[in-house]
Amino acid sequence: SGGGLVQPGGSLRLSCAASGFTLDRYAIGWFRQAPGKEREGVAC
Protein backbone atom coordinates (compact mmCIF):
# COMPACT_ATOMS: atom_id res chain seq x y z
CA SER A 1 0.00 0.00 0.00
CA GLY A 2 1.01 3.64 -0.18
CA GLY A 3 1.38 4.15 -3.90
CA GLY A 4 -0.08 7.08 -5.75
CA LEU A 5 0.57 10.12 -7.91
CA VAL A 6 3.29 12.51 -6.78
CA GLN A 7 5.12 15.41 -8.37
CA PRO A 8 8.83 15.19 -9.16
CA GLY A 9 10.83 15.84 -6.02
CA GLY A 10 8.04 14.55 -3.82
CA SER A 11 7.93 11.63 -1.41
CA LEU A 12 5.91 8.50 -0.81
CA ARG A 13 6.14 5.72 1.74
CA LEU A 14 5.20 2.25 0.62
CA SER A 15 4.19 -0.41 3.10
CA CYS A 16 4.38 -4.17 2.76
CA ALA A 17 2.25 -5.88 5.39
CA ALA A 18 2.89 -9.57 5.92
CA SER A 19 0.51 -12.17 7.28
CA GLY A 20 0.80 -15.90 7.76
CA PHE A 21 4.49 -15.71 8.64
CA THR A 22 6.88 -13.59 10.66
CA LEU A 23 9.25 -11.31 8.86
CA ASP A 24 12.29 -12.06 10.98
CA ARG A 25 12.86 -15.32 9.12
CA TYR A 26 12.65 -13.72 5.68
CA ALA A 27 14.47 -11.26 3.50
CA ILE A 28 12.03 -8.77 2.03
CA GLY A 29 12.74 -7.15 -1.28
CA TRP A 30 11.12 -4.32 -3.17
CA PHE A 31 11.00 -4.68 -6.92
CA ARG A 32 9.49 -2.46 -9.59
CA GLN A 33 8.33 -2.94 -13.13
CA ALA A 34 7.49 -0.23 -15.63
CA PRO A 35 5.50 -0.94 -18.81
CA GLY A 36 7.66 -2.61 -21.42
CA LYS A 37 10.57 -3.05 -19.03
CA GLU A 38 11.93 -5.93 -17.02
CA ARG A 39 11.30 -6.17 -13.33
CA GLU A 40 14.21 -4.75 -11.34
CA GLY A 41 15.22 -5.03 -7.73
CA VAL A 42 15.14 -1.76 -5.86
CA ALA A 43 15.91 -2.51 -2.22
CA CYS A 44 16.12 -5.41 0.18
ModelCIF file with pLDDT and N, C-alpha, C, O atoms, coordinates in Angstrom:
data_MODEL
#
_entry.id   MODEL 
#
_entity.id                         1 
_entity.type                       polymer 
_entity.pdbx_number_of_molecules   1 
#
_entity_poly.entity_id                      1 
_entity_poly.type                           'polypeptide(L)' 
_entity_poly.nstd_linkage                   no 
_entity_poly.nstd_monomer                   no 
_entity_poly.pdbx_seq_one_letter_code       SGGGLVQPGGSLRLSCAASGFTLDRYAIGWFRQAPGKEREGVAC 
_entity_poly.pdbx_seq_one_letter_code_can   SGGGLVQPGGSLRLSCAASGFTLDRYAIGWFRQAPGKEREGVAC 
_entity_poly.pdbx_strand_id                 A 
#
loop_
_entity_poly_seq.entity_id 
_entity_poly_seq.num 
_entity_poly_seq.mon_id 
_entity_poly_seq.hetero 
1 1  SER n 
1 2  GLY n 
1 3  GLY n 
1 4  GLY n 
1 5  LEU n 
1 6  VAL n 
1 7  GLN n 
1 8  PRO n 
1 9  GLY n 
1 10 GLY n 
1 11 SER n 
1 12 LEU n 
1 13 ARG n 
1 14 LEU n 
1 15 SER n 
1 16 CYS n 
1 17 ALA n 
1 18 ALA n 
1 19 SER n 
1 20 GLY n 
1 21 PHE n 
1 22 THR n 
1 23 LEU n 
1 24 ASP n 
1 25 ARG n 
1 26 TYR n 
1 27 ALA n 
1 28 ILE n 
1 29 GLY n 
1 30 TRP n 
1 31 PHE n 
1 32 ARG n 
1 33 GLN n 
1 34 ALA n 
1 35 PRO n 
1 36 GLY n 
1 37 LYS n 
1 38 GLU n 
1 39 ARG n 
1 40 GLU n 
1 41 GLY n 
1 42 VAL n 
1 43 ALA n 
1 44 CYS n 
#
_struct_asym.id          A 
_struct_asym.entity_id   1 
#
loop_
_ma_qa_metric.id 
_ma_qa_metric.mode 
_ma_qa_metric.name 
_ma_qa_metric.software_group_id 
_ma_qa_metric.type 
1 global pLDDT . pLDDT 
2 local  pLDDT . pLDDT 
#
_ma_qa_metric_global.metric_id      1 
_ma_qa_metric_global.metric_value   95.23 
_ma_qa_metric_global.model_id       1 
_ma_qa_metric_global.ordinal_id     1 
#
loop_
_ma_qa_metric_local.label_asym_id 
_ma_qa_metric_local.label_comp_id 
_ma_qa_metric_local.label_seq_id 
_ma_qa_metric_local.metric_id 
_ma_qa_metric_local.metric_value 
_ma_qa_metric_local.model_id 
_ma_qa_metric_local.ordinal_id 
A SER 1  2 98.00 1 1  
A GLY 2  2 98.00 1 2  
A GLY 3  2 98.00 1 3  
A GLY 4  2 98.00 1 4  
A LEU 5  2 98.00 1 5  
A VAL 6  2 98.00 1 6  
A GLN 7  2 98.00 1 7  
A PRO 8  2 98.00 1 8  
A GLY 9  2 98.00 1 9  
A GLY 10 2 98.00 1 10 
A SER 11 2 98.00 1 11 
A LEU 12 2 98.00 1 12 
A ARG 13 2 98.00 1 13 
A LEU 14 2 98.00 1 14 
A SER 15 2 98.00 1 15 
A CYS 16 2 97.00 1 16 
A ALA 17 2 97.00 1 17 
A ALA 18 2 95.00 1 18 
A SER 19 2 92.00 1 19 
A GLY 20 2 89.00 1 20 
A PHE 21 2 85.00 1 21 
A THR 22 2 84.00 1 22 
A LEU 23 2 84.00 1 23 
A ASP 24 2 84.00 1 24 
A ARG 25 2 88.00 1 25 
A TYR 26 2 92.00 1 26 
A ALA 27 2 95.00 1 27 
A ILE 28 2 96.00 1 28 
A GLY 29 2 97.00 1 29 
A TRP 30 2 98.00 1 30 
A PHE 31 2 98.00 1 31 
A ARG 32 2 98.00 1 32 
A GLN 33 2 97.00 1 33 
A ALA 34 2 95.00 1 34 
A PRO 35 2 91.00 1 35 
A GLY 36 2 93.00 1 36 
A LYS 37 2 95.00 1 37 
A GLU 38 2 95.00 1 38 
A ARG 39 2 96.00 1 39 
A GLU 40 2 97.00 1 40 
A GLY 41 2 98.00 1 41 
A VAL 42 2 98.00 1 42 
A ALA 43 2 98.00 1 43 
A CYS 44 2 98.00 1 44 
#
loop_
_atom_site.group_PDB 
_atom_site.id 
_atom_site.type_symbol 
_atom_site.label_atom_id 
_atom_site.label_alt_id 
_atom_site.label_comp_id 
_atom_site.label_asym_id 
_atom_site.label_entity_id 
_atom_site.label_seq_id 
_atom_site.pdbx_PDB_ins_code 
_atom_site.Cartn_x 
_atom_site.Cartn_y 
_atom_site.Cartn_z 
_atom_site.occupancy 
_atom_site.B_iso_or_equiv 
_atom_site.pdbx_formal_charge 
_atom_site.auth_seq_id 
_atom_site.auth_comp_id 
_atom_site.auth_asym_id 
_atom_site.auth_atom_id 
_atom_site.pdbx_PDB_model_num 
ATOM 1   N N  . SER A 1 1  ? 0.847  -1.181  0.000   1.00 98.00 ? 1  SER A N  1 
ATOM 2   C CA . SER A 1 1  ? 0.000  0.000   0.000   1.00 98.00 ? 1  SER A CA 1 
ATOM 3   C C  . SER A 1 1  ? 0.888  1.239   0.000   1.00 98.00 ? 1  SER A C  1 
ATOM 4   O O  . SER A 1 1  ? 2.094  1.151   0.234   1.00 98.00 ? 1  SER A O  1 
ATOM 5   N N  . GLY A 1 2  ? 0.284  2.387   -0.263  1.00 98.00 ? 2  GLY A N  1 
ATOM 6   C CA . GLY A 1 2  ? 1.007  3.644   -0.179  1.00 98.00 ? 2  GLY A CA 1 
ATOM 7   C C  . GLY A 1 2  ? 1.374  4.259   -1.514  1.00 98.00 ? 2  GLY A C  1 
ATOM 8   O O  . GLY A 1 2  ? 1.926  5.358   -1.553  1.00 98.00 ? 2  GLY A O  1 
ATOM 9   N N  . GLY A 1 3  ? 1.082  3.577   -2.601  1.00 98.00 ? 3  GLY A N  1 
ATOM 10  C CA . GLY A 1 3  ? 1.380  4.149   -3.898  1.00 98.00 ? 3  GLY A CA 1 
ATOM 11  C C  . GLY A 1 3  ? 0.448  5.304   -4.239  1.00 98.00 ? 3  GLY A C  1 
ATOM 12  O O  . GLY A 1 3  ? -0.522 5.572   -3.528  1.00 98.00 ? 3  GLY A O  1 
ATOM 13  N N  . GLY A 1 4  ? 0.758  5.980   -5.335  1.00 98.00 ? 4  GLY A N  1 
ATOM 14  C CA . GLY A 1 4  ? -0.085 7.084   -5.751  1.00 98.00 ? 4  GLY A CA 1 
ATOM 15  C C  . GLY A 1 4  ? 0.618  7.965   -6.761  1.00 98.00 ? 4  GLY A C  1 
ATOM 16  O O  . GLY A 1 4  ? 1.652  7.603   -7.323  1.00 98.00 ? 4  GLY A O  1 
ATOM 17  N N  . LEU A 1 5  ? 0.031  9.126   -6.976  1.00 98.00 ? 5  LEU A N  1 
ATOM 18  C CA . LEU A 1 5  ? 0.571  10.120  -7.907  1.00 98.00 ? 5  LEU A CA 1 
ATOM 19  C C  . LEU A 1 5  ? 1.281  11.208  -7.101  1.00 98.00 ? 5  LEU A C  1 
ATOM 20  O O  . LEU A 1 5  ? 0.725  11.757  -6.150  1.00 98.00 ? 5  LEU A O  1 
ATOM 21  N N  . VAL A 1 6  ? 2.505  11.505  -7.495  1.00 98.00 ? 6  VAL A N  1 
ATOM 22  C CA . VAL A 1 6  ? 3.286  12.511  -6.785  1.00 98.00 ? 6  VAL A CA 1 
ATOM 23  C C  . VAL A 1 6  ? 4.072  13.313  -7.805  1.00 98.00 ? 6  VAL A C  1 
ATOM 24  O O  . VAL A 1 6  ? 4.431  12.802  -8.866  1.00 98.00 ? 6  VAL A O  1 
ATOM 25  N N  . GLN A 1 7  ? 4.336  14.564  -7.485  1.00 98.00 ? 7  GLN A N  1 
ATOM 26  C CA . GLN A 1 7  ? 5.122  15.405  -8.369  1.00 98.00 ? 7  GLN A CA 1 
ATOM 27  C C  . GLN A 1 7  ? 6.606  15.098  -8.238  1.00 98.00 ? 7  GLN A C  1 
ATOM 28  O O  . GLN A 1 7  ? 7.046  14.615  -7.194  1.00 98.00 ? 7  GLN A O  1 
ATOM 29  N N  . PRO A 1 8  ? 7.377  15.368  -9.269  1.00 98.00 ? 8  PRO A N  1 
ATOM 30  C CA . PRO A 1 8  ? 8.835  15.186  -9.160  1.00 98.00 ? 8  PRO A CA 1 
ATOM 31  C C  . PRO A 1 8  ? 9.381  15.943  -7.958  1.00 98.00 ? 8  PRO A C  1 
ATOM 32  O O  . PRO A 1 8  ? 9.002  17.082  -7.688  1.00 98.00 ? 8  PRO A O  1 
ATOM 33  N N  . GLY A 1 9  ? 10.284 15.275  -7.242  1.00 98.00 ? 9  GLY A N  1 
ATOM 34  C CA . GLY A 1 9  ? 10.828 15.838  -6.018  1.00 98.00 ? 9  GLY A CA 1 
ATOM 35  C C  . GLY A 1 9  ? 10.045 15.491  -4.778  1.00 98.00 ? 9  GLY A C  1 
ATOM 36  O O  . GLY A 1 9  ? 10.494 15.758  -3.663  1.00 98.00 ? 9  GLY A O  1 
ATOM 37  N N  . GLY A 1 10 ? 8.885  14.904  -4.953  1.00 98.00 ? 10 GLY A N  1 
ATOM 38  C CA . GLY A 1 10 ? 8.039  14.552  -3.820  1.00 98.00 ? 10 GLY A CA 1 
ATOM 39  C C  . GLY A 1 10 ? 8.436  13.243  -3.174  1.00 98.00 ? 10 GLY A C  1 
ATOM 40  O O  . GLY A 1 10 ? 9.427  12.619  -3.552  1.00 98.00 ? 10 GLY A O  1 
ATOM 41  N N  . SER A 1 11 ? 7.641  12.834  -2.187  1.00 98.00 ? 11 SER A N  1 
ATOM 42  C CA . SER A 1 11 ? 7.928  11.631  -1.408  1.00 98.00 ? 11 SER A CA 1 
ATOM 43  C C  . SER A 1 11 ? 6.691  10.757  -1.290  1.00 98.00 ? 11 SER A C  1 
ATOM 44  O O  . SER A 1 11 ? 5.557  11.234  -1.342  1.00 98.00 ? 11 SER A O  1 
ATOM 45  N N  . LEU A 1 12 ? 6.939  9.479   -1.132  1.00 98.00 ? 12 LEU A N  1 
ATOM 46  C CA . LEU A 1 12 ? 5.908  8.499   -0.809  1.00 98.00 ? 12 LEU A CA 1 
ATOM 47  C C  . LEU A 1 12 ? 6.526  7.469   0.119   1.00 98.00 ? 12 LEU A C  1 
ATOM 48  O O  . LEU A 1 12 ? 7.735  7.239   0.086   1.00 98.00 ? 12 LEU A O  1 
ATOM 49  N N  . ARG A 1 13 ? 5.700  6.854   0.942   1.00 98.00 ? 13 ARG A N  1 
ATOM 50  C CA . ARG A 1 13 ? 6.142  5.722   1.737   1.00 98.00 ? 13 ARG A CA 1 
ATOM 51  C C  . ARG A 1 13 ? 5.265  4.527   1.415   1.00 98.00 ? 13 ARG A C  1 
ATOM 52  O O  . ARG A 1 13 ? 4.052  4.543   1.624   1.00 98.00 ? 13 ARG A O  1 
ATOM 53  N N  . LEU A 1 14 ? 5.904  3.498   0.903   1.00 98.00 ? 14 LEU A N  1 
ATOM 54  C CA . LEU A 1 14 ? 5.203  2.246   0.621   1.00 98.00 ? 14 LEU A CA 1 
ATOM 55  C C  . LEU A 1 14 ? 5.290  1.338   1.830   1.00 98.00 ? 14 LEU A C  1 
ATOM 56  O O  . LEU A 1 14 ? 6.283  1.327   2.557   1.00 98.00 ? 14 LEU A O  1 
ATOM 57  N N  . SER A 1 15 ? 4.229  0.578   2.024   1.00 98.00 ? 15 SER A N  1 
ATOM 58  C CA . SER A 1 15 ? 4.188  -0.410  3.105   1.00 98.00 ? 15 SER A CA 1 
ATOM 59  C C  . SER A 1 15 ? 3.965  -1.790  2.511   1.00 98.00 ? 15 SER A C  1 
ATOM 60  O O  . SER A 1 15 ? 3.262  -1.949  1.513   1.00 98.00 ? 15 SER A O  1 
ATOM 61  N N  . CYS A 1 16 ? 4.567  -2.771  3.133   1.00 97.00 ? 16 CYS A N  1 
ATOM 62  C CA . CYS A 1 16 ? 4.381  -4.166  2.763   1.00 97.00 ? 16 CYS A CA 1 
ATOM 63  C C  . CYS A 1 16 ? 4.008  -4.912  4.040   1.00 97.00 ? 16 CYS A C  1 
ATOM 64  O O  . CYS A 1 16 ? 4.870  -5.206  4.869   1.00 97.00 ? 16 CYS A O  1 
ATOM 65  N N  . ALA A 1 17 ? 2.749  -5.210  4.190   1.00 97.00 ? 17 ALA A N  1 
ATOM 66  C CA . ALA A 1 17 ? 2.251  -5.884  5.390   1.00 97.00 ? 17 ALA A CA 1 
ATOM 67  C C  . ALA A 1 17 ? 2.206  -7.382  5.144   1.00 97.00 ? 17 ALA A C  1 
ATOM 68  O O  . ALA A 1 17 ? 1.637  -7.851  4.158   1.00 97.00 ? 17 ALA A O  1 
ATOM 69  N N  . ALA A 1 18 ? 2.812  -8.121  6.055   1.00 95.00 ? 18 ALA A N  1 
ATOM 70  C CA . ALA A 1 18 ? 2.885  -9.571  5.920   1.00 95.00 ? 18 ALA A CA 1 
ATOM 71  C C  . ALA A 1 18 ? 1.910  -10.255 6.878   1.00 95.00 ? 18 ALA A C  1 
ATOM 72  O O  . ALA A 1 18 ? 1.690  -9.794  7.998   1.00 95.00 ? 18 ALA A O  1 
ATOM 73  N N  . SER A 1 19 ? 1.343  -11.341 6.421   1.00 92.00 ? 19 SER A N  1 
ATOM 74  C CA . SER A 1 19 ? 0.505  -12.175 7.281   1.00 92.00 ? 19 SER A CA 1 
ATOM 75  C C  . SER A 1 19 ? 0.777  -13.626 6.957   1.00 92.00 ? 19 SER A C  1 
ATOM 76  O O  . SER A 1 19 ? 1.161  -13.967 5.838   1.00 92.00 ? 19 SER A O  1 
ATOM 77  N N  . GLY A 1 20 ? 0.573  -14.477 7.947   1.00 89.00 ? 20 GLY A N  1 
ATOM 78  C CA . GLY A 1 20 ? 0.803  -15.904 7.762   1.00 89.00 ? 20 GLY A CA 1 
ATOM 79  C C  . GLY A 1 20 ? 2.234  -16.331 8.010   1.00 89.00 ? 20 GLY A C  1 
ATOM 80  O O  . GLY A 1 20 ? 2.547  -17.519 7.931   1.00 89.00 ? 20 GLY A O  1 
ATOM 81  N N  . PHE A 1 21 ? 3.107  -15.385 8.308   1.00 85.00 ? 21 PHE A N  1 
ATOM 82  C CA . PHE A 1 21 ? 4.491  -15.709 8.644   1.00 85.00 ? 21 PHE A CA 1 
ATOM 83  C C  . PHE A 1 21 ? 5.081  -14.496 9.355   1.00 85.00 ? 21 PHE A C  1 
ATOM 84  O O  . PHE A 1 21 ? 4.510  -13.406 9.323   1.00 85.00 ? 21 PHE A O  1 
ATOM 85  N N  . THR A 1 22 ? 6.213  -14.697 9.988   1.00 84.00 ? 22 THR A N  1 
ATOM 86  C CA . THR A 1 22 ? 6.877  -13.592 10.664  1.00 84.00 ? 22 THR A CA 1 
ATOM 87  C C  . THR A 1 22 ? 8.084  -13.160 9.847   1.00 84.00 ? 22 THR A C  1 
ATOM 88  O O  . THR A 1 22 ? 8.839  -13.983 9.329   1.00 84.00 ? 22 THR A O  1 
ATOM 89  N N  . LEU A 1 23 ? 8.242  -11.865 9.747   1.00 84.00 ? 23 LEU A N  1 
ATOM 90  C CA . LEU A 1 23 ? 9.251  -11.309 8.860   1.00 84.00 ? 23 LEU A CA 1 
ATOM 91  C C  . LEU A 1 23 ? 10.681 -11.628 9.264   1.00 84.00 ? 23 LEU A C  1 
ATOM 92  O O  . LEU A 1 23 ? 11.577 -11.606 8.421   1.00 84.00 ? 23 LEU A O  1 
ATOM 93  N N  . ASP A 1 24 ? 10.909 -11.921 10.529  1.00 84.00 ? 24 ASP A N  1 
ATOM 94  C CA . ASP A 1 24 ? 12.295 -12.057 10.980  1.00 84.00 ? 24 ASP A CA 1 
ATOM 95  C C  . ASP A 1 24 ? 12.994 -13.275 10.394  1.00 84.00 ? 24 ASP A C  1 
ATOM 96  O O  . ASP A 1 24 ? 14.211 -13.411 10.524  1.00 84.00 ? 24 ASP A O  1 
ATOM 97  N N  . ARG A 1 25 ? 12.245 -14.160 9.753   1.00 88.00 ? 25 ARG A N  1 
ATOM 98  C CA . ARG A 1 25 ? 12.863 -15.323 9.119   1.00 88.00 ? 25 ARG A CA 1 
ATOM 99  C C  . ARG A 1 25 ? 12.941 -15.172 7.600   1.00 88.00 ? 25 ARG A C  1 
ATOM 100 O O  . ARG A 1 25 ? 13.227 -16.133 6.885   1.00 88.00 ? 25 ARG A O  1 
ATOM 101 N N  . TYR A 1 26 ? 12.683 -13.952 7.115   1.00 92.00 ? 26 TYR A N  1 
ATOM 102 C CA . TYR A 1 26 ? 12.648 -13.718 5.681   1.00 92.00 ? 26 TYR A CA 1 
ATOM 103 C C  . TYR A 1 26 ? 13.411 -12.456 5.308   1.00 92.00 ? 26 TYR A C  1 
ATOM 104 O O  . TYR A 1 26 ? 13.433 -11.480 6.057   1.00 92.00 ? 26 TYR A O  1 
ATOM 105 N N  . ALA A 1 27 ? 14.033 -12.496 4.139   1.00 95.00 ? 27 ALA A N  1 
ATOM 106 C CA . ALA A 1 27 ? 14.468 -11.265 3.499   1.00 95.00 ? 27 ALA A CA 1 
ATOM 107 C C  . ALA A 1 27 ? 13.281 -10.718 2.706   1.00 95.00 ? 27 ALA A C  1 
ATOM 108 O O  . ALA A 1 27 ? 12.551 -11.469 2.059   1.00 95.00 ? 27 ALA A O  1 
ATOM 109 N N  . ILE A 1 28 ? 13.106 -9.420  2.766   1.00 96.00 ? 28 ILE A N  1 
ATOM 110 C CA . ILE A 1 28 ? 12.029 -8.772  2.027   1.00 96.00 ? 28 ILE A CA 1 
ATOM 111 C C  . ILE A 1 28 ? 12.633 -7.821  1.010   1.00 96.00 ? 28 ILE A C  1 
ATOM 112 O O  . ILE A 1 28 ? 13.433 -6.949  1.346   1.00 96.00 ? 28 ILE A O  1 
ATOM 113 N N  . GLY A 1 29 ? 12.243 -8.004  -0.209  1.00 97.00 ? 29 GLY A N  1 
ATOM 114 C CA . GLY A 1 29 ? 12.739 -7.151  -1.280  1.00 97.00 ? 29 GLY A CA 1 
ATOM 115 C C  . GLY A 1 29 ? 11.632 -6.311  -1.889  1.00 97.00 ? 29 GLY A C  1 
ATOM 116 O O  . GLY A 1 29 ? 10.469 -6.714  -1.921  1.00 97.00 ? 29 GLY A O  1 
ATOM 117 N N  . TRP A 1 30 ? 12.008 -5.158  -2.362  1.00 98.00 ? 30 TRP A N  1 
ATOM 118 C CA . TRP A 1 30 ? 11.116 -4.324  -3.171  1.00 98.00 ? 30 TRP A CA 1 
ATOM 119 C C  . TRP A 1 30 ? 11.622 -4.357  -4.612  1.00 98.00 ? 30 TRP A C  1 
ATOM 120 O O  . TRP A 1 30 ? 12.796 -4.110  -4.886  1.00 98.00 ? 30 TRP A O  1 
ATOM 121 N N  . PHE A 1 31 ? 10.716 -4.663  -5.506  1.00 98.00 ? 31 PHE A N  1 
ATOM 122 C CA . PHE A 1 31 ? 11.002 -4.678  -6.925  1.00 98.00 ? 31 PHE A CA 1 
ATOM 123 C C  . PHE A 1 31 ? 10.055 -3.679  -7.599  1.00 98.00 ? 31 PHE A C  1 
ATOM 124 O O  . PHE A 1 31 ? 9.052  -3.259  -7.022  1.00 98.00 ? 31 PHE A O  1 
ATOM 125 N N  . ARG A 1 32 ? 10.400 -3.315  -8.826  1.00 98.00 ? 32 ARG A N  1 
ATOM 126 C CA . ARG A 1 32 ? 9.487  -2.463  -9.590  1.00 98.00 ? 32 ARG A CA 1 
ATOM 127 C C  . ARG A 1 32 ? 9.527  -2.875  -11.048 1.00 98.00 ? 32 ARG A C  1 
ATOM 128 O O  . ARG A 1 32 ? 10.520 -3.410  -11.542 1.00 98.00 ? 32 ARG A O  1 
ATOM 129 N N  . GLN A 1 33 ? 8.422  -2.610  -11.718 1.00 97.00 ? 33 GLN A N  1 
ATOM 130 C CA . GLN A 1 33 ? 8.333  -2.935  -13.135 1.00 97.00 ? 33 GLN A CA 1 
ATOM 131 C C  . GLN A 1 33 ? 7.519  -1.870  -13.842 1.00 97.00 ? 33 GLN A C  1 
ATOM 132 O O  . GLN A 1 33 ? 6.352  -1.637  -13.524 1.00 97.00 ? 33 GLN A O  1 
ATOM 133 N N  . ALA A 1 34 ? 8.159  -1.231  -14.806 1.00 95.00 ? 34 ALA A N  1 
ATOM 134 C CA . ALA A 1 34 ? 7.494  -0.232  -15.634 1.00 95.00 ? 34 ALA A CA 1 
ATOM 135 C C  . ALA A 1 34 ? 7.009  -0.904  -16.917 1.00 95.00 ? 34 ALA A C  1 
ATOM 136 O O  . ALA A 1 34 ? 7.548  -1.938  -17.312 1.00 95.00 ? 34 ALA A O  1 
ATOM 137 N N  . PRO A 1 35 ? 6.004  -0.332  -17.568 1.00 91.00 ? 35 PRO A N  1 
ATOM 138 C CA . PRO A 1 35 ? 5.497  -0.937  -18.806 1.00 91.00 ? 35 PRO A CA 1 
ATOM 139 C C  . PRO A 1 35 ? 6.603  -1.124  -19.840 1.00 91.00 ? 35 PRO A C  1 
ATOM 140 O O  . PRO A 1 35 ? 7.366  -0.203  -20.127 1.00 91.00 ? 35 PRO A O  1 
ATOM 141 N N  . GLY A 1 36 ? 6.674  -2.326  -20.389 1.00 93.00 ? 36 GLY A N  1 
ATOM 142 C CA . GLY A 1 36 ? 7.658  -2.607  -21.424 1.00 93.00 ? 36 GLY A CA 1 
ATOM 143 C C  . GLY A 1 36 ? 9.066  -2.849  -20.922 1.00 93.00 ? 36 GLY A C  1 
ATOM 144 O O  . GLY A 1 36 ? 9.990  -3.034  -21.714 1.00 93.00 ? 36 GLY A O  1 
ATOM 145 N N  . LYS A 1 37 ? 9.233  -2.848  -19.606 1.00 95.00 ? 37 LYS A N  1 
ATOM 146 C CA . LYS A 1 37 ? 10.569 -3.049  -19.033 1.00 95.00 ? 37 LYS A CA 1 
ATOM 147 C C  . LYS A 1 37 ? 10.582 -4.282  -18.138 1.00 95.00 ? 37 LYS A C  1 
ATOM 148 O O  . LYS A 1 37 ? 9.542  -4.751  -17.676 1.00 95.00 ? 37 LYS A O  1 
ATOM 149 N N  . GLU A 1 38 ? 11.779 -4.787  -17.908 1.00 95.00 ? 38 GLU A N  1 
ATOM 150 C CA . GLU A 1 38 ? 11.934 -5.930  -17.023 1.00 95.00 ? 38 GLU A CA 1 
ATOM 151 C C  . GLU A 1 38 ? 11.793 -5.492  -15.569 1.00 95.00 ? 38 GLU A C  1 
ATOM 152 O O  . GLU A 1 38 ? 12.043 -4.339  -15.215 1.00 95.00 ? 38 GLU A O  1 
ATOM 153 N N  . ARG A 1 39 ? 11.390 -6.436  -14.751 1.00 96.00 ? 39 ARG A N  1 
ATOM 154 C CA . ARG A 1 39 ? 11.303 -6.173  -13.325 1.00 96.00 ? 39 ARG A CA 1 
ATOM 155 C C  . ARG A 1 39 ? 12.715 -5.997  -12.773 1.00 96.00 ? 39 ARG A C  1 
ATOM 156 O O  . ARG A 1 39 ? 13.624 -6.751  -13.119 1.00 96.00 ? 39 ARG A O  1 
ATOM 157 N N  . GLU A 1 40 ? 12.888 -5.001  -11.917 1.00 97.00 ? 40 GLU A N  1 
ATOM 158 C CA . GLU A 1 40 ? 14.207 -4.752  -11.341 1.00 97.00 ? 40 GLU A CA 1 
ATOM 159 C C  . GLU A 1 40 ? 14.104 -4.660  -9.825  1.00 97.00 ? 40 GLU A C  1 
ATOM 160 O O  . GLU A 1 40 ? 13.111 -4.189  -9.271  1.00 97.00 ? 40 GLU A O  1 
ATOM 161 N N  . GLY A 1 41 ? 15.157 -5.122  -9.180  1.00 98.00 ? 41 GLY A N  1 
ATOM 162 C CA . GLY A 1 41 ? 15.224 -5.034  -7.730  1.00 98.00 ? 41 GLY A CA 1 
ATOM 163 C C  . GLY A 1 41 ? 15.621 -3.646  -7.305  1.00 98.00 ? 41 GLY A C  1 
ATOM 164 O O  . GLY A 1 41 ? 16.548 -3.058  -7.863  1.00 98.00 ? 41 GLY A O  1 
ATOM 165 N N  . VAL A 1 42 ? 14.923 -3.115  -6.317  1.00 98.00 ? 42 VAL A N  1 
ATOM 166 C CA . VAL A 1 42 ? 15.139 -1.758  -5.857  1.00 98.00 ? 42 VAL A CA 1 
ATOM 167 C C  . VAL A 1 42 ? 15.843 -1.726  -4.499  1.00 98.00 ? 42 VAL A C  1 
ATOM 168 O O  . VAL A 1 42 ? 16.812 -0.990  -4.310  1.00 98.00 ? 42 VAL A O  1 
ATOM 169 N N  . ALA A 1 43 ? 15.355 -2.518  -3.574  1.00 98.00 ? 43 ALA A N  1 
ATOM 170 C CA . ALA A 1 43 ? 15.908 -2.515  -2.222  1.00 98.00 ? 43 ALA A CA 1 
ATOM 171 C C  . ALA A 1 43 ? 15.559 -3.829  -1.550  1.00 98.00 ? 43 ALA A C  1 
ATOM 172 O O  . ALA A 1 43 ? 14.618 -4.520  -1.939  1.00 98.00 ? 43 ALA A O  1 
ATOM 173 N N  . CYS A 1 44 ? 16.336 -4.152  -0.537  1.00 98.00 ? 44 CYS A N  1 
ATOM 174 C CA . CYS A 1 44 ? 16.118 -5.413  0.180   1.00 98.00 ? 44 CYS A CA 1 
ATOM 175 C C  . CYS A 1 44 ? 16.629 -5.263  1.599   1.00 98.00 ? 44 CYS A C  1 
ATOM 176 O O  . CYS A 1 44 ? 16.547 -6.206  2.387   1.00 98.00 ? 44 CYS A O  1 
#
